[in-house]
Amino acid sequence: TRRTAEELIAQAKKYRPYWGETGGITVSGGEPLLQIEFLTELFQKAKE
């Protein structure tokens, strides 16, 4: 499914109350580095 980084971050944040102090977002695959530019945008928005 084609998704934007904004959509994924918005979806992820719904579960943020469950993450506690150490949780967050993991990107796996497949091989995520094959979509490195999209991955970078996603992680940049996550860090923001």
ModelCIF file with pLDDT and N, C-alpha, C, O atoms, coordinates in Angstrom:
data_MODEL
#
_entry.id   MODEL 
#
_entity.id                         1 
_entity.type                       polymer 
_entity.pdbx_number_of_molecules   1 
#
_entity_poly.entity_id                      1 
_entity_poly.type                           'polypeptide(L)' 
_entity_poly.nstd_linkage                   no 
_entity_poly.nstd_monomer                   no 
_entity_poly.pdbx_seq_one_letter_code       TRRTAEELIAQAKKYRPYWGETGGITVSGGEPLLQIEFLTELFQKAKE 
_entity_poly.pdbx_seq_one_letter_code_can   TRRTAEELIAQAKKYRPYWGETGGITVSGGEPLLQIEFLTELFQKAKE 
_entity_poly.pdbx_strand_id                 A 
#
loop_
_entity_poly_seq.entity_id 
_entity_poly_seq.num 
_entity_poly_seq.mon_id 
_entity_poly_seq.hetero 
1 1  THR n 
1 2  ARG n 
1 3  ARG n 
1 4  THR n 
1 5  ALA n 
1 6  GLU n 
1 7  GLU n 
1 8  LEU n 
1 9  ILE n 
1 10 ALA n 
1 11 GLN n 
1 12 ALA n 
1 13 LYS n 
1 14 LYS n 
1 15 TYR n 
1 16 ARG n 
1 17 PRO n 
1 18 TYR n 
1 19 TRP n 
1 20 GLY n 
1 21 GLU n 
1 22 THR n 
1 23 GLY n 
1 24 GLY n 
1 25 ILE n 
1 26 THR n 
1 27 VAL n 
1 28 SER n 
1 29 GLY n 
1 30 GLY n 
1 31 GLU n 
1 32 PRO n 
1 33 LEU n 
1 34 LEU n 
1 35 GLN n 
1 36 ILE n 
1 37 GLU n 
1 38 PHE n 
1 39 LEU n 
1 40 THR n 
1 41 GLU n 
1 42 LEU n 
1 43 PHE n 
1 44 GLN n 
1 45 LYS n 
1 46 ALA n 
1 47 LYS n 
1 48 GLU n 
#
_struct_asym.id          A 
_struct_asym.entity_id   1 
#
loop_
_ma_qa_metric.id 
_ma_qa_metric.mode 
_ma_qa_metric.name 
_ma_qa_metric.software_group_id 
_ma_qa_metric.type 
1 global pLDDT . pLDDT 
2 local  pLDDT . pLDDT 
#
_ma_qa_metric_global.metric_id      1 
_ma_qa_metric_global.metric_value   97.21 
_ma_qa_metric_global.model_id       1 
_ma_qa_metric_global.ordinal_id     1 
#
loop_
_ma_qa_metric_local.label_asym_id 
_ma_qa_metric_local.label_comp_id 
_ma_qa_metric_local.label_seq_id 
_ma_qa_metric_local.metric_id 
_ma_qa_metric_local.metric_value 
_ma_qa_metric_local.model_id 
_ma_qa_metric_local.ordinal_id 
A THR 1  2 97.00 1 1  
A ARG 2  2 97.00 1 2  
A ARG 3  2 98.00 1 3  
A THR 4  2 98.00 1 4  
A ALA 5  2 98.00 1 5  
A GLU 6  2 98.00 1 6  
A GLU 7  2 98.00 1 7  
A LEU 8  2 98.00 1 8  
A ILE 9  2 98.00 1 9  
A ALA 10 2 98.00 1 10 
A GLN 11 2 98.00 1 11 
A ALA 12 2 98.00 1 12 
A LYS 13 2 97.00 1 13 
A LYS 14 2 97.00 1 14 
A TYR 15 2 97.00 1 15 
A ARG 16 2 97.00 1 16 
A PRO 17 2 96.00 1 17 
A TYR 18 2 95.00 1 18 
A TRP 19 2 96.00 1 19 
A GLY 20 2 92.00 1 20 
A GLU 21 2 92.00 1 21 
A THR 22 2 95.00 1 22 
A GLY 23 2 98.00 1 23 
A GLY 24 2 98.00 1 24 
A ILE 25 2 98.00 1 25 
A THR 26 2 98.00 1 26 
A VAL 27 2 98.00 1 27 
A SER 28 2 97.00 1 28 
A GLY 29 2 93.00 1 29 
A GLY 30 2 94.00 1 30 
A GLU 31 2 98.00 1 31 
A PRO 32 2 98.00 1 32 
A LEU 33 2 98.00 1 33 
A LEU 34 2 98.00 1 34 
A GLN 35 2 98.00 1 35 
A ILE 36 2 98.00 1 36 
A GLU 37 2 98.00 1 37 
A PHE 38 2 98.00 1 38 
A LEU 39 2 98.00 1 39 
A THR 40 2 98.00 1 40 
A GLU 41 2 98.00 1 41 
A LEU 42 2 98.00 1 42 
A PHE 43 2 98.00 1 43 
A GLN 44 2 98.00 1 44 
A LYS 45 2 98.00 1 45 
A ALA 46 2 98.00 1 46 
A LYS 47 2 98.00 1 47 
A GLU 48 2 98.00 1 48 
#
loop_
_atom_site.group_PDB 
_atom_site.id 
_atom_site.type_symbol 
_atom_site.label_atom_id 
_atom_site.label_alt_id 
_atom_site.label_comp_id 
_atom_site.label_asym_id 
_atom_site.label_entity_id 
_atom_site.label_seq_id 
_atom_site.pdbx_PDB_ins_code 
_atom_site.Cartn_x 
_atom_site.Cartn_y 
_atom_site.Cartn_z 
_atom_site.occupancy 
_atom_site.B_iso_or_equiv 
_atom_site.pdbx_formal_charge 
_atom_site.auth_seq_id 
_atom_site.auth_comp_id 
_atom_site.auth_asym_id 
_atom_site.auth_atom_id 
_atom_site.pdbx_PDB_model_num 
ATOM 1   N N  . THR A 1 1  ? 0.840  -1.197 0.000  1.00 97.00 ? 1  THR A N  1 
ATOM 2   C CA . THR A 1 1  ? 0.000  0.000  0.000  1.00 97.00 ? 1  THR A CA 1 
ATOM 3   C C  . THR A 1 1  ? 0.876  1.248  0.000  1.00 97.00 ? 1  THR A C  1 
ATOM 4   O O  . THR A 1 1  ? 1.840  1.335  0.760  1.00 97.00 ? 1  THR A O  1 
ATOM 5   N N  . ARG A 1 2  ? 0.544  2.205  -0.844 1.00 97.00 ? 2  ARG A N  1 
ATOM 6   C CA . ARG A 1 2  ? 1.298  3.450  -0.898 1.00 97.00 ? 2  ARG A CA 1 
ATOM 7   C C  . ARG A 1 2  ? 0.818  4.365  0.226  1.00 97.00 ? 2  ARG A C  1 
ATOM 8   O O  . ARG A 1 2  ? -0.368 4.675  0.332  1.00 97.00 ? 2  ARG A O  1 
ATOM 9   N N  . ARG A 1 3  ? 1.784  4.798  1.077  1.00 98.00 ? 3  ARG A N  1 
ATOM 10  C CA . ARG A 1 3  ? 1.460  5.652  2.214  1.00 98.00 ? 3  ARG A CA 1 
ATOM 11  C C  . ARG A 1 3  ? 2.458  6.803  2.289  1.00 98.00 ? 3  ARG A C  1 
ATOM 12  O O  . ARG A 1 3  ? 3.609  6.662  1.875  1.00 98.00 ? 3  ARG A O  1 
ATOM 13  N N  . THR A 1 4  ? 2.017  7.926  2.811  1.00 98.00 ? 4  THR A N  1 
ATOM 14  C CA . THR A 1 4  ? 2.931  9.039  3.033  1.00 98.00 ? 4  THR A CA 1 
ATOM 15  C C  . THR A 1 4  ? 3.505  8.944  4.442  1.00 98.00 ? 4  THR A C  1 
ATOM 16  O O  . THR A 1 4  ? 2.947  8.274  5.311  1.00 98.00 ? 4  THR A O  1 
ATOM 17  N N  . ALA A 1 5  ? 4.631  9.627  4.654  1.00 98.00 ? 5  ALA A N  1 
ATOM 18  C CA . ALA A 1 5  ? 5.232  9.655  5.984  1.00 98.00 ? 5  ALA A CA 1 
ATOM 19  C C  . ALA A 1 5  ? 4.283  10.307 6.986  1.00 98.00 ? 5  ALA A C  1 
ATOM 20  O O  . ALA A 1 5  ? 4.179  9.858  8.128  1.00 98.00 ? 5  ALA A O  1 
ATOM 21  N N  . GLU A 1 6  ? 3.597  11.357 6.564  1.00 98.00 ? 6  GLU A N  1 
ATOM 22  C CA . GLU A 1 6  ? 2.665  12.050 7.449  1.00 98.00 ? 6  GLU A CA 1 
ATOM 23  C C  . GLU A 1 6  ? 1.560  11.106 7.923  1.00 98.00 ? 6  GLU A C  1 
ATOM 24  O O  . GLU A 1 6  ? 1.199  11.108 9.100  1.00 98.00 ? 6  GLU A O  1 
ATOM 25  N N  . GLU A 1 7  ? 1.026  10.304 7.007  1.00 98.00 ? 7  GLU A N  1 
ATOM 26  C CA . GLU A 1 7  ? -0.034 9.367  7.372  1.00 98.00 ? 7  GLU A CA 1 
ATOM 27  C C  . GLU A 1 7  ? 0.450  8.355  8.400  1.00 98.00 ? 7  GLU A C  1 
ATOM 28  O O  . GLU A 1 7  ? -0.255 8.048  9.361  1.00 98.00 ? 7  GLU A O  1 
ATOM 29  N N  . LEU A 1 8  ? 1.641  7.844  8.195  1.00 98.00 ? 8  LEU A N  1 
ATOM 30  C CA . LEU A 1 8  ? 2.171  6.823  9.095  1.00 98.00 ? 8  LEU A CA 1 
ATOM 31  C C  . LEU A 1 8  ? 2.470  7.393  10.478 1.00 98.00 ? 8  LEU A C  1 
ATOM 32  O O  . LEU A 1 8  ? 2.189  6.749  11.489 1.00 98.00 ? 8  LEU A O  1 
ATOM 33  N N  . ILE A 1 9  ? 3.037  8.594  10.528 1.00 98.00 ? 9  ILE A N  1 
ATOM 34  C CA . ILE A 1 9  ? 3.314  9.212  11.825 1.00 98.00 ? 9  ILE A CA 1 
ATOM 35  C C  . ILE A 1 9  ? 2.007  9.483  12.568 1.00 98.00 ? 9  ILE A C  1 
ATOM 36  O O  . ILE A 1 9  ? 1.920  9.251  13.774 1.00 98.00 ? 9  ILE A O  1 
ATOM 37  N N  . ALA A 1 10 ? 0.998  9.969  11.860 1.00 98.00 ? 10 ALA A N  1 
ATOM 38  C CA . ALA A 1 10 ? -0.293 10.235 12.497 1.00 98.00 ? 10 ALA A CA 1 
ATOM 39  C C  . ALA A 1 10 ? -0.907 8.954  13.050 1.00 98.00 ? 10 ALA A C  1 
ATOM 40  O O  . ALA A 1 10 ? -1.475 8.950  14.142 1.00 98.00 ? 10 ALA A O  1 
ATOM 41  N N  . GLN A 1 11 ? -0.790 7.867  12.290 1.00 98.00 ? 11 GLN A N  1 
ATOM 42  C CA . GLN A 1 11 ? -1.322 6.585  12.754 1.00 98.00 ? 11 GLN A CA 1 
ATOM 43  C C  . GLN A 1 11 ? -0.538 6.085  13.965 1.00 98.00 ? 11 GLN A C  1 
ATOM 44  O O  . GLN A 1 11 ? -1.121 5.606  14.938 1.00 98.00 ? 11 GLN A O  1 
ATOM 45  N N  . ALA A 1 12 ? 0.779  6.201  13.896 1.00 98.00 ? 12 ALA A N  1 
ATOM 46  C CA . ALA A 1 12 ? 1.620  5.721  14.988 1.00 98.00 ? 12 ALA A CA 1 
ATOM 47  C C  . ALA A 1 12 ? 1.331  6.459  16.290 1.00 98.00 ? 12 ALA A C  1 
ATOM 48  O O  . ALA A 1 12 ? 1.304  5.845  17.356 1.00 98.00 ? 12 ALA A O  1 
ATOM 49  N N  . LYS A 1 13 ? 1.116  7.751  16.214 1.00 97.00 ? 13 LYS A N  1 
ATOM 50  C CA . LYS A 1 13 ? 0.920  8.572  17.412 1.00 97.00 ? 13 LYS A CA 1 
ATOM 51  C C  . LYS A 1 13 ? -0.331 8.170  18.196 1.00 97.00 ? 13 LYS A C  1 
ATOM 52  O O  . LYS A 1 13 ? -0.439 8.465  19.386 1.00 97.00 ? 13 LYS A O  1 
ATOM 53  N N  . LYS A 1 14 ? -1.260 7.510  17.543 1.00 97.00 ? 14 LYS A N  1 
ATOM 54  C CA . LYS A 1 14 ? -2.454 7.039  18.247 1.00 97.00 ? 14 LYS A CA 1 
ATOM 55  C C  . LYS A 1 14 ? -2.100 6.006  19.319 1.00 97.00 ? 14 LYS A C  1 
ATOM 56  O O  . LYS A 1 14 ? -2.836 5.817  20.287 1.00 97.00 ? 14 LYS A O  1 
ATOM 57  N N  . TYR A 1 15 ? -0.954 5.341  19.124 1.00 97.00 ? 15 TYR A N  1 
ATOM 58  C CA . TYR A 1 15 ? -0.547 4.275  20.047 1.00 97.00 ? 15 TYR A CA 1 
ATOM 59  C C  . TYR A 1 15 ? 0.541  4.744  21.011 1.00 97.00 ? 15 TYR A C  1 
ATOM 60  O O  . TYR A 1 15 ? 1.059  3.956  21.802 1.00 97.00 ? 15 TYR A O  1 
ATOM 61  N N  . ARG A 1 16 ? 0.878  6.011  20.943 1.00 97.00 ? 16 ARG A N  1 
ATOM 62  C CA . ARG A 1 16 ? 1.968  6.538  21.759 1.00 97.00 ? 16 ARG A CA 1 
ATOM 63  C C  . ARG A 1 16 ? 1.768  6.329  23.262 1.00 97.00 ? 16 ARG A C  1 
ATOM 64  O O  . ARG A 1 16 ? 2.752  6.096  23.963 1.00 97.00 ? 16 ARG A O  1 
ATOM 65  N N  . PRO A 1 17 ? 0.548  6.401  23.788 1.00 96.00 ? 17 PRO A N  1 
ATOM 66  C CA . PRO A 1 17 ? 0.371  6.189  25.234 1.00 96.00 ? 17 PRO A CA 1 
ATOM 67  C C  . PRO A 1 17 ? 0.863  4.822  25.720 1.00 96.00 ? 17 PRO A C  1 
ATOM 68  O O  . PRO A 1 17 ? 1.134  4.649  26.909 1.00 96.00 ? 17 PRO A O  1 
ATOM 69  N N  . TYR A 1 18 ? 0.979  3.864  24.817 1.00 95.00 ? 18 TYR A N  1 
ATOM 70  C CA . TYR A 1 18 ? 1.394  2.510  25.200 1.00 95.00 ? 18 TYR A CA 1 
ATOM 71  C C  . TYR A 1 18 ? 2.919  2.325  25.146 1.00 95.00 ? 18 TYR A C  1 
ATOM 72  O O  . TYR A 1 18 ? 3.429  1.306  25.611 1.00 95.00 ? 18 TYR A O  1 
ATOM 73  N N  . TRP A 1 19 ? 3.638  3.281  24.596 1.00 96.00 ? 19 TRP A N  1 
ATOM 74  C CA . TRP A 1 19 ? 5.065  3.105  24.363 1.00 96.00 ? 19 TRP A CA 1 
ATOM 75  C C  . TRP A 1 19 ? 5.911  3.255  25.618 1.00 96.00 ? 19 TRP A C  1 
ATOM 76  O O  . TRP A 1 19 ? 7.010  2.705  25.699 1.00 96.00 ? 19 TRP A O  1 
ATOM 77  N N  . GLY A 1 20 ? 5.410  3.990  26.587 1.00 92.00 ? 20 GLY A N  1 
ATOM 78  C CA . GLY A 1 20 ? 6.197  4.231  27.789 1.00 92.00 ? 20 GLY A CA 1 
ATOM 79  C C  . GLY A 1 20 ? 7.436  5.055  27.481 1.00 92.00 ? 20 GLY A C  1 
ATOM 80  O O  . GLY A 1 20 ? 7.440  5.884  26.570 1.00 92.00 ? 20 GLY A O  1 
ATOM 81  N N  . GLU A 1 21 ? 8.482  4.816  28.251 1.00 92.00 ? 21 GLU A N  1 
ATOM 82  C CA . GLU A 1 21 ? 9.698  5.626  28.106 1.00 92.00 ? 21 GLU A CA 1 
ATOM 83  C C  . GLU A 1 21 ? 10.619 5.137  27.000 1.00 92.00 ? 21 GLU A C  1 
ATOM 84  O O  . GLU A 1 21 ? 11.456 5.898  26.514 1.00 92.00 ? 21 GLU A O  1 
ATOM 85  N N  . THR A 1 22 ? 10.478 3.858  26.587 1.00 95.00 ? 22 THR A N  1 
ATOM 86  C CA . THR A 1 22 ? 11.474 3.280  25.674 1.00 95.00 ? 22 THR A CA 1 
ATOM 87  C C  . THR A 1 22 ? 10.929 2.910  24.301 1.00 95.00 ? 22 THR A C  1 
ATOM 88  O O  . THR A 1 22 ? 11.710 2.601  23.401 1.00 95.00 ? 22 THR A O  1 
ATOM 89  N N  . GLY A 1 23 ? 9.630  2.933  24.118 1.00 98.00 ? 23 GLY A N  1 
ATOM 90  C CA . GLY A 1 23 ? 9.046  2.500  22.850 1.00 98.00 ? 23 GLY A CA 1 
ATOM 91  C C  . GLY A 1 23 ? 9.189  3.535  21.749 1.00 98.00 ? 23 GLY A C  1 
ATOM 92  O O  . GLY A 1 23 ? 9.834  4.569  21.925 1.00 98.00 ? 23 GLY A O  1 
ATOM 93  N N  . GLY A 1 24 ? 8.570  3.235  20.597 1.00 98.00 ? 24 GLY A N  1 
ATOM 94  C CA . GLY A 1 24 ? 8.638  4.145  19.464 1.00 98.00 ? 24 GLY A CA 1 
ATOM 95  C C  . GLY A 1 24 ? 8.293  3.448  18.166 1.00 98.00 ? 24 GLY A C  1 
ATOM 96  O O  . GLY A 1 24 ? 7.443  2.558  18.128 1.00 98.00 ? 24 GLY A O  1 
ATOM 97  N N  . ILE A 1 25 ? 8.960  3.860  17.106 1.00 98.00 ? 25 ILE A N  1 
ATOM 98  C CA . ILE A 1 25 ? 8.707  3.329  15.762 1.00 98.00 ? 25 ILE A CA 1 
ATOM 99  C C  . ILE A 1 25 ? 9.902  2.497  15.295 1.00 98.00 ? 25 ILE A C  1 
ATOM 100 O O  . ILE A 1 25 ? 11.053 2.914  15.423 1.00 98.00 ? 25 ILE A O  1 
ATOM 101 N N  . THR A 1 26 ? 9.610  1.318  14.754 1.00 98.00 ? 26 THR A N  1 
ATOM 102 C CA . THR A 1 26 ? 10.611 0.492  14.087 1.00 98.00 ? 26 THR A CA 1 
ATOM 103 C C  . THR A 1 26 ? 10.191 0.311  12.637 1.00 98.00 ? 26 THR A C  1 
ATOM 104 O O  . THR A 1 26 ? 9.024  0.042  12.356 1.00 98.00 ? 26 THR A O  1 
ATOM 105 N N  . VAL A 1 27 ? 11.129 0.457  11.724 1.00 98.00 ? 27 VAL A N  1 
ATOM 106 C CA . VAL A 1 27 ? 10.852 0.171  10.308 1.00 98.00 ? 27 VAL A CA 1 
ATOM 107 C C  . VAL A 1 27 ? 11.651 -1.060 9.901  1.00 98.00 ? 27 VAL A C  1 
ATOM 108 O O  . VAL A 1 27 ? 12.873 -1.109 10.040 1.00 98.00 ? 27 VAL A O  1 
ATOM 109 N N  . SER A 1 28 ? 10.926 -2.048 9.396  1.00 97.00 ? 28 SER A N  1 
ATOM 110 C CA . SER A 1 28 ? 11.507 -3.324 9.002  1.00 97.00 ? 28 SER A CA 1 
ATOM 111 C C  . SER A 1 28 ? 11.084 -3.617 7.567  1.00 97.00 ? 28 SER A C  1 
ATOM 112 O O  . SER A 1 28 ? 10.693 -2.709 6.833  1.00 97.00 ? 28 SER A O  1 
ATOM 113 N N  . GLY A 1 29 ? 11.164 -4.883 7.168  1.00 93.00 ? 29 GLY A N  1 
ATOM 114 C CA . GLY A 1 29 ? 10.789 -5.202 5.793  1.00 93.00 ? 29 GLY A CA 1 
ATOM 115 C C  . GLY A 1 29 ? 10.501 -6.666 5.608  1.00 93.00 ? 29 GLY A C  1 
ATOM 116 O O  . GLY A 1 29 ? 10.018 -7.349 6.512  1.00 93.00 ? 29 GLY A O  1 
ATOM 117 N N  . GLY A 1 30 ? 10.809 -7.140 4.410  1.00 94.00 ? 30 GLY A N  1 
ATOM 118 C CA . GLY A 1 30 ? 11.573 -6.525 3.350  1.00 94.00 ? 30 GLY A CA 1 
ATOM 119 C C  . GLY A 1 30 ? 12.893 -5.934 3.843  1.00 94.00 ? 30 GLY A C  1 
ATOM 120 O O  . GLY A 1 30 ? 13.401 -6.260 4.916  1.00 94.00 ? 30 GLY A O  1 
ATOM 121 N N  . GLU A 1 31 ? 13.411 -5.056 3.007  1.00 98.00 ? 31 GLU A N  1 
ATOM 122 C CA . GLU A 1 31 ? 14.641 -4.329 3.307  1.00 98.00 ? 31 GLU A CA 1 
ATOM 123 C C  . GLU A 1 31 ? 14.366 -2.837 3.197  1.00 98.00 ? 31 GLU A C  1 
ATOM 124 O O  . GLU A 1 31 ? 14.258 -2.312 2.089  1.00 98.00 ? 31 GLU A O  1 
ATOM 125 N N  . PRO A 1 32 ? 14.248 -2.136 4.340  1.00 98.00 ? 32 PRO A N  1 
ATOM 126 C CA . PRO A 1 32 ? 13.884 -0.721 4.325  1.00 98.00 ? 32 PRO A CA 1 
ATOM 127 C C  . PRO A 1 32 ? 14.838 0.167  3.544  1.00 98.00 ? 32 PRO A C  1 
ATOM 128 O O  . PRO A 1 32 ? 14.424 1.199  3.016  1.00 98.00 ? 32 PRO A O  1 
ATOM 129 N N  . LEU A 1 33 ? 16.120 -0.219 3.460  1.00 98.00 ? 33 LEU A N  1 
ATOM 130 C CA . LEU A 1 33 ? 17.096 0.643  2.784  1.00 98.00 ? 33 LEU A CA 1 
ATOM 131 C C  . LEU A 1 33 ? 16.846 0.753  1.280  1.00 98.00 ? 33 LEU A C  1 
ATOM 132 O O  . LEU A 1 33 ? 17.429 1.614  0.622  1.00 98.00 ? 33 LEU A O  1 
ATOM 133 N N  . LEU A 1 34 ? 15.994 -0.100 0.734  1.00 98.00 ? 34 LEU A N  1 
ATOM 134 C CA . LEU A 1 34 ? 15.634 0.030  -0.677 1.00 98.00 ? 34 LEU A CA 1 
ATOM 135 C C  . LEU A 1 34 ? 14.697 1.218  -0.897 1.00 98.00 ? 34 LEU A C  1 
ATOM 136 O O  . LEU A 1 34 ? 14.512 1.665  -2.029 1.00 98.00 ? 34 LEU A O  1 
ATOM 137 N N  . GLN A 1 35 ? 14.114 1.724  0.179  1.00 98.00 ? 35 GLN A N  1 
ATOM 138 C CA . GLN A 1 35 ? 13.275 2.924  0.110  1.00 98.00 ? 35 GLN A CA 1 
ATOM 139 C C  . GLN A 1 35 ? 13.883 4.000  1.021  1.00 98.00 ? 35 GLN A C  1 
ATOM 140 O O  . GLN A 1 35 ? 13.190 4.590  1.849  1.00 98.00 ? 35 GLN A O  1 
ATOM 141 N N  . ILE A 1 36 ? 15.172 4.239  0.855  1.00 98.00 ? 36 ILE A N  1 
ATOM 142 C CA . ILE A 1 36 ? 15.923 5.043  1.819  1.00 98.00 ? 36 ILE A CA 1 
ATOM 143 C C  . ILE A 1 36 ? 15.443 6.493  1.895  1.00 98.00 ? 36 ILE A C  1 
ATOM 144 O O  . ILE A 1 36 ? 15.438 7.070  2.983  1.00 98.00 ? 36 ILE A O  1 
ATOM 145 N N  . GLU A 1 37 ? 15.048 7.090  0.796  1.00 98.00 ? 37 GLU A N  1 
ATOM 146 C CA . GLU A 1 37 ? 14.611 8.484  0.844  1.00 98.00 ? 37 GLU A CA 1 
ATOM 147 C C  . GLU A 1 37 ? 13.285 8.606  1.597  1.00 98.00 ? 37 GLU A C  1 
ATOM 148 O O  . GLU A 1 37 ? 13.104 9.523  2.398  1.00 98.00 ? 37 GLU A O  1 
ATOM 149 N N  . PHE A 1 38 ? 12.376 7.694  1.341  1.00 98.00 ? 38 PHE A N  1 
ATOM 150 C CA . PHE A 1 38 ? 11.111 7.699  2.078  1.00 98.00 ? 38 PHE A CA 1 
ATOM 151 C C  . PHE A 1 38 ? 11.361 7.413  3.551  1.00 98.00 ? 38 PHE A C  1 
ATOM 152 O O  . PHE A 1 38 ? 10.766 8.054  4.417  1.00 98.00 ? 38 PHE A O  1 
ATOM 153 N N  . LEU A 1 39 ? 12.236 6.458  3.840  1.00 98.00 ? 39 LEU A N  1 
ATOM 154 C CA . LEU A 1 39 ? 12.574 6.104  5.215  1.00 98.00 ? 39 LEU A CA 1 
ATOM 155 C C  . LEU A 1 39 ? 13.157 7.305  5.957  1.00 98.00 ? 39 LEU A C  1 
ATOM 156 O O  . LEU A 1 39 ? 12.818 7.547  7.115  1.00 98.00 ? 39 LEU A O  1 
ATOM 157 N N  . THR A 1 40 ? 14.023 8.047  5.297  1.00 98.00 ? 40 THR A N  1 
ATOM 158 C CA . THR A 1 40 ? 14.629 9.223  5.917  1.00 98.00 ? 40 THR A CA 1 
ATOM 159 C C  . THR A 1 40 ? 13.573 10.269 6.246  1.00 98.00 ? 40 THR A C  1 
ATOM 160 O O  . THR A 1 40 ? 13.584 10.849 7.332  1.00 98.00 ? 40 THR A O  1 
ATOM 161 N N  . GLU A 1 41 ? 12.661 10.510 5.309  1.00 98.00 ? 41 GLU A N  1 
ATOM 162 C CA . GLU A 1 41 ? 11.586 11.469 5.571  1.00 98.00 ? 41 GLU A CA 1 
ATOM 163 C C  . GLU A 1 41 ? 10.730 11.021 6.756  1.00 98.00 ? 41 GLU A C  1 
ATOM 164 O O  . GLU A 1 41 ? 10.357 11.830 7.606  1.00 98.00 ? 41 GLU A O  1 
ATOM 165 N N  . LEU A 1 42 ? 10.428 9.736  6.800  1.00 98.00 ? 42 LEU A N  1 
ATOM 166 C CA . LEU A 1 42 ? 9.621  9.186  7.889  1.00 98.00 ? 42 LEU A CA 1 
ATOM 167 C C  . LEU A 1 42 ? 10.313 9.374  9.239  1.00 98.00 ? 42 LEU A C  1 
ATOM 168 O O  . LEU A 1 42 ? 9.693  9.819  10.205 1.00 98.00 ? 42 LEU A O  1 
ATOM 169 N N  . PHE A 1 43 ? 11.605 9.031  9.296  1.00 98.00 ? 43 PHE A N  1 
ATOM 170 C CA . PHE A 1 43 ? 12.337 9.155  10.555 1.00 98.00 ? 43 PHE A CA 1 
ATOM 171 C C  . PHE A 1 43 ? 12.543 10.621 10.943 1.00 98.00 ? 43 PHE A C  1 
ATOM 172 O O  . PHE A 1 43 ? 12.517 10.962 12.126 1.00 98.00 ? 43 PHE A O  1 
ATOM 173 N N  . GLN A 1 44 ? 12.744 11.475 9.959  1.00 98.00 ? 44 GLN A N  1 
ATOM 174 C CA . GLN A 1 44 ? 12.904 12.896 10.262 1.00 98.00 ? 44 GLN A CA 1 
ATOM 175 C C  . GLN A 1 44 ? 11.636 13.438 10.927 1.00 98.00 ? 44 GLN A C  1 
ATOM 176 O O  . GLN A 1 44 ? 11.711 14.177 11.909 1.00 98.00 ? 44 GLN A O  1 
ATOM 177 N N  . LYS A 1 45 ? 10.502 13.076 10.398 1.00 98.00 ? 45 LYS A N  1 
ATOM 178 C CA . LYS A 1 45 ? 9.235  13.525 10.974 1.00 98.00 ? 45 LYS A CA 1 
ATOM 179 C C  . LYS A 1 45 ? 9.010  12.902 12.346 1.00 98.00 ? 45 LYS A C  1 
ATOM 180 O O  . LYS A 1 45 ? 8.436  13.534 13.233 1.00 98.00 ? 45 LYS A O  1 
ATOM 181 N N  . ALA A 1 46 ? 9.463  11.659 12.520 1.00 98.00 ? 46 ALA A N  1 
ATOM 182 C CA . ALA A 1 46 ? 9.346  11.017 13.829 1.00 98.00 ? 46 ALA A CA 1 
ATOM 183 C C  . ALA A 1 46 ? 10.167 11.764 14.871 1.00 98.00 ? 46 ALA A C  1 
ATOM 184 O O  . ALA A 1 46 ? 9.695  12.004 15.982 1.00 98.00 ? 46 ALA A O  1 
ATOM 185 N N  . LYS A 1 47 ? 11.389 12.128 14.516 1.00 98.00 ? 47 LYS A N  1 
ATOM 186 C CA . LYS A 1 47 ? 12.245 12.835 15.465 1.00 98.00 ? 47 LYS A CA 1 
ATOM 187 C C  . LYS A 1 47 ? 11.692 14.223 15.785 1.00 98.00 ? 47 LYS A C  1 
ATOM 188 O O  . LYS A 1 47 ? 11.867 14.715 16.899 1.00 98.00 ? 47 LYS A O  1 
ATOM 189 N N  . GLU A 1 48 ? 11.030 14.856 14.822 1.00 98.00 ? 48 GLU A N  1 
ATOM 190 C CA . GLU A 1 48 ? 10.389 16.145 15.090 1.00 98.00 ? 48 GLU A CA 1 
ATOM 191 C C  . GLU A 1 48 ? 9.309  16.003 16.160 1.00 98.00 ? 48 GLU A C  1 
ATOM 192 O O  . GLU A 1 48 ? 8.661  16.987 16.517 1.00 98.00 ? 48 GLU A O  1 
#
